[in-house]
Amino acid sequence: MEIDDDIVRLFTMNPEKSKVNVGPEFTRLAEHAKAEDGTTFSDYLEAAEQAFRESRKRSTERRKMAPLGKGIAPELRKAIEREIPFDEDADPIDIRWKRFSNDNFFEIDREQRALWLNEKYRPKTKGERRSVNDAPLLKALLYVVAEDLFRGEYLGARDKDNIELYQEILTAAARSEQI
């Protein structure tokens, strides 16, 4: 392979052949290089450094979450909406009760966009009719913890492990309240 003499003057290989050194001619050419829009190499490096600095800054904005669906009391919904920016492109998540054929505390139904809670563990109410919007503390906590499990096309290994973890802990806690 032929190597152009101009290239040889611009670059040299170190004796260990582990890196390339640039010669003084390369430095001069780089300092005077300009893009078609007039951007200099120095401008390019400065913009790259600024972009790097910006990318390293932590964002103080809250992450957008899926909006709330059915099962959340109006007062709680308003409080959550004040604090959490919603992803308007995401479908809402319902948090509802239903009878399960097992003892699990919850089920995540990504297709129906529902977080189902086992009716067996529904808190007892004294003299009041049960409401679709009951158990606001429980539902708010589960929404905050489980909302990200409704994102993406599929559940990854970490998501599945988290679901198993939440299931074990919450089911044990719910059983202990029944004793």
Foldseek 3Di string as FASTA:
>chain_A
DDDDPVVCQQWDAPPVNPDIDGDPVVVVCQQPDADPVGQGNVNVVVVVVVVVVVVPDDDPDADAFAQADWQADPVLSVVVVVPHHHDPVHHHAYEFEDADPDLWQWDQDLVVNYIYGHPVLPDDDPPDDDDSNPPNVVVVVCCVVCRCVNDDDHDDPVRVVVVVVCRVVVSVVSVVVVD
